[in-house]
Amino acid sequence: QDCRGWPFVVSAAEDYYFGPEAGKLLISPADETPVEPHDAYADDMALAEAIHKVQALLTFEVTRIEHSWGGLRSFSPDRTQVIGFDPRAEGFFWLAGQGGYGIQSGPAAAALAASLIAGDALPETLRAEGVEAARFAVERFL
């Protein structure tokens, strides 16, 4: 099944999402089970549960998994990314807390980080979207 024209879909409960990826269907269980840091892997049961949820919405059967991977999702206390220098540790720059949105937000987060590290103004593309560096600063937790 060619999924290139499909929308990206997130469940209302944010307990799974799916959408097109390189002509295939990307499915994620959007798992937030707290765990200690470790070498992440794709959990077979989490994959099966995500496929089961998405399968109920499809008109065709998911018959195989071509690729899988696992990752650890980190969140800040307010669930907003932390991007900026830490005033408590000279030269330390935070780029953390992407939660499950690192793939989607990566380019914008990198542009914000690059401008802050270089001491430049925010790029026009970010300003046009209303991005303000203070929203992501570590100072909001101090």
Protein backbone atom coordinates (compact mmCIF):
# COMPACT_ATOMS: atom_id res chain seq x y z
CA GLN A 1 0.00 0.00 0.00
CA ASP A 2 1.48 3.37 -1.04
CA CYS A 3 0.82 5.82 1.79
CA ARG A 4 2.60 8.90 0.38
CA GLY A 5 -0.54 11.05 0.17
CA TRP A 6 -1.87 10.12 3.58
CA PRO A 7 -2.15 12.60 6.46
CA PHE A 8 -0.17 12.26 9.68
CA VAL A 9 -2.65 11.06 12.34
CA VAL A 10 -2.38 11.22 16.14
CA SER A 11 -5.06 9.64 18.32
CA ALA A 12 -7.00 11.97 20.61
CA ALA A 13 -5.41 10.23 23.61
CA GLU A 14 -1.96 10.52 21.96
CA ASP A 15 -1.42 6.81 22.62
CA TYR A 16 -0.45 6.07 19.00
CA TYR A 17 0.23 7.86 15.75
CA PHE A 18 0.75 6.91 12.13
CA GLY A 19 1.49 8.52 8.82
CA PRO A 20 3.42 8.29 5.59
CA GLU A 21 7.17 7.74 5.68
CA ALA A 22 9.14 7.04 2.49
CA GLY A 23 6.08 5.57 0.77
CA LYS A 24 5.40 3.21 3.68
CA LEU A 25 3.27 3.47 6.81
CA LEU A 26 5.04 4.63 9.98
CA ILE A 27 3.23 3.48 13.13
CA SER A 28 4.23 4.37 16.68
CA PRO A 29 2.75 3.30 20.01
CA ALA A 30 3.77 6.71 21.44
CA ASP A 31 4.66 4.87 24.63
CA GLU A 32 5.38 6.94 27.75
CA THR A 33 6.07 4.15 30.22
CA PRO A 34 8.66 5.47 32.73
CA VAL A 35 11.91 3.50 32.56
CA GLU A 36 15.48 3.90 33.72
CA PRO A 37 17.92 4.98 30.98
CA HIS A 38 18.99 1.96 28.92
CA ASP A 39 19.77 0.84 25.38
CA ALA A 40 16.34 1.19 23.82
CA TYR A 41 14.82 -1.46 21.59
CA ALA A 42 11.51 -1.96 19.82
CA ASP A 43 9.27 -3.89 22.22
CA ASP A 44 7.29 -6.60 20.38
CA MET A 45 4.16 -6.13 22.51
CA ALA A 46 4.16 -2.34 22.08
CA LEU A 47 4.51 -2.81 18.31
CA ALA A 48 1.64 -5.33 18.24
CA GLU A 49 -0.62 -3.05 20.29
CA ALA A 50 0.07 -0.06 18.03
CA ILE A 51 -0.62 -2.10 14.90
CA HIS A 52 -3.85 -3.39 16.46
CA LYS A 53 -5.07 0.17 17.18
CA VAL A 54 -4.19 1.46 13.71
CA GLN A 55 -5.50 -1.67 11.99
CA ALA A 56 -9.01 -0.80 13.20
CA LEU A 57 -8.86 2.37 11.07
CA LEU A 58 -7.43 0.87 7.89
CA THR A 59 -9.11 -0.80 4.93
CA PHE A 60 -6.15 -3.13 4.40
CA GLU A 61 -4.23 -5.50 6.64
CA VAL A 62 -0.78 -4.73 8.03
CA THR A 63 1.02 -7.96 7.14
CA ARG A 64 4.62 -7.27 8.10
CA ILE A 65 6.99 -4.91 9.85
CA GLU A 66 9.80 -3.89 7.52
CA HIS A 67 11.80 -1.88 10.06
CA SER A 68 11.49 -1.12 13.75
CA TRP A 69 13.46 0.85 16.28
CA GLY A 70 13.14 1.98 19.85
CA GLY A 71 14.01 5.17 21.61
CA LEU A 72 13.74 6.83 24.99
CA ARG A 73 11.39 9.78 25.25
CA SER A 74 12.46 12.52 27.63
CA PHE A 75 10.18 15.27 28.91
CA SER A 76 10.74 18.45 30.86
CA PRO A 77 8.39 19.13 33.81
CA ASP A 78 6.16 21.35 31.63
CA ARG A 79 6.48 19.03 28.59
CA THR A 80 8.07 21.81 26.52
CA GLN A 81 11.55 21.41 25.09
CA VAL A 82 14.52 22.92 26.90
CA ILE A 83 16.74 24.85 24.47
CA GLY A 84 19.40 27.28 25.64
CA PHE A 85 22.45 27.90 27.78
CA ASP A 86 22.30 26.89 31.43
CA PRO A 87 23.20 29.91 33.61
CA ARG A 88 24.49 27.57 36.33
CA ALA A 89 27.13 25.86 34.15
CA GLU A 90 29.22 28.01 31.84
CA GLY A 91 29.17 26.75 28.26
CA PHE A 92 26.53 24.07 28.90
CA PHE A 93 23.75 24.17 26.31
CA TRP A 94 20.46 22.32 26.70
CA LEU A 95 18.70 20.73 23.73
CA ALA A 96 16.48 18.22 25.49
CA GLY A 97 12.97 17.15 26.32
CA GLN A 98 11.64 16.53 22.83
CA GLY A 99 9.24 13.92 24.18
CA GLY A 100 7.80 12.19 21.16
CA TYR A 101 8.15 15.18 18.86
CA GLY A 102 11.87 15.27 18.11
CA ILE A 103 11.50 14.11 14.52
CA GLN A 104 8.87 16.72 13.71
CA SER A 105 10.40 19.59 15.69
CA GLY A 106 14.07 18.82 15.02
CA PRO A 107 14.67 21.32 12.20
CA ALA A 108 13.09 24.23 14.08
CA ALA A 109 14.79 23.27 17.37
CA ALA A 110 18.14 23.09 15.58
CA ALA A 111 17.59 26.52 14.00
CA LEU A 112 16.74 27.99 17.41
CA ALA A 113 19.76 26.31 19.02
CA ALA A 114 22.11 27.48 16.26
CA SER A 115 20.97 31.08 16.60
CA LEU A 116 21.35 31.02 20.39
CA ILE A 117 24.79 29.40 20.27
CA ALA A 118 26.00 31.88 17.64
CA GLY A 119 24.46 34.83 19.50
CA ASP A 120 22.39 35.74 16.44
CA ALA A 121 18.80 36.91 16.18
CA LEU A 122 16.23 34.18 15.70
CA PRO A 123 15.76 33.25 12.05
CA GLU A 124 12.84 34.98 10.34
CA THR A 125 11.18 31.61 9.75
CA LEU A 126 10.94 31.09 13.52
CA ARG A 127 9.93 34.68 14.32
CA ALA A 128 7.16 34.46 11.71
CA GLU A 129 5.74 31.49 13.62
CA GLY A 130 5.84 33.37 16.93
CA VAL A 131 8.76 31.41 18.39
CA GLU A 132 10.37 33.11 21.39
CA ALA A 133 13.58 31.74 22.89
CA ALA A 134 12.40 32.45 26.46
CA ARG A 135 9.64 29.85 26.11
CA PHE A 136 12.32 27.14 25.86
CA ALA A 137 14.90 28.54 28.31
CA VAL A 138 16.03 26.51 31.32
CA GLU A 139 15.46 29.59 33.52
CA ARG A 140 11.75 28.79 33.62
CA PHE A 141 12.60 25.97 36.05
CA LEU A 142 15.04 27.88 38.27
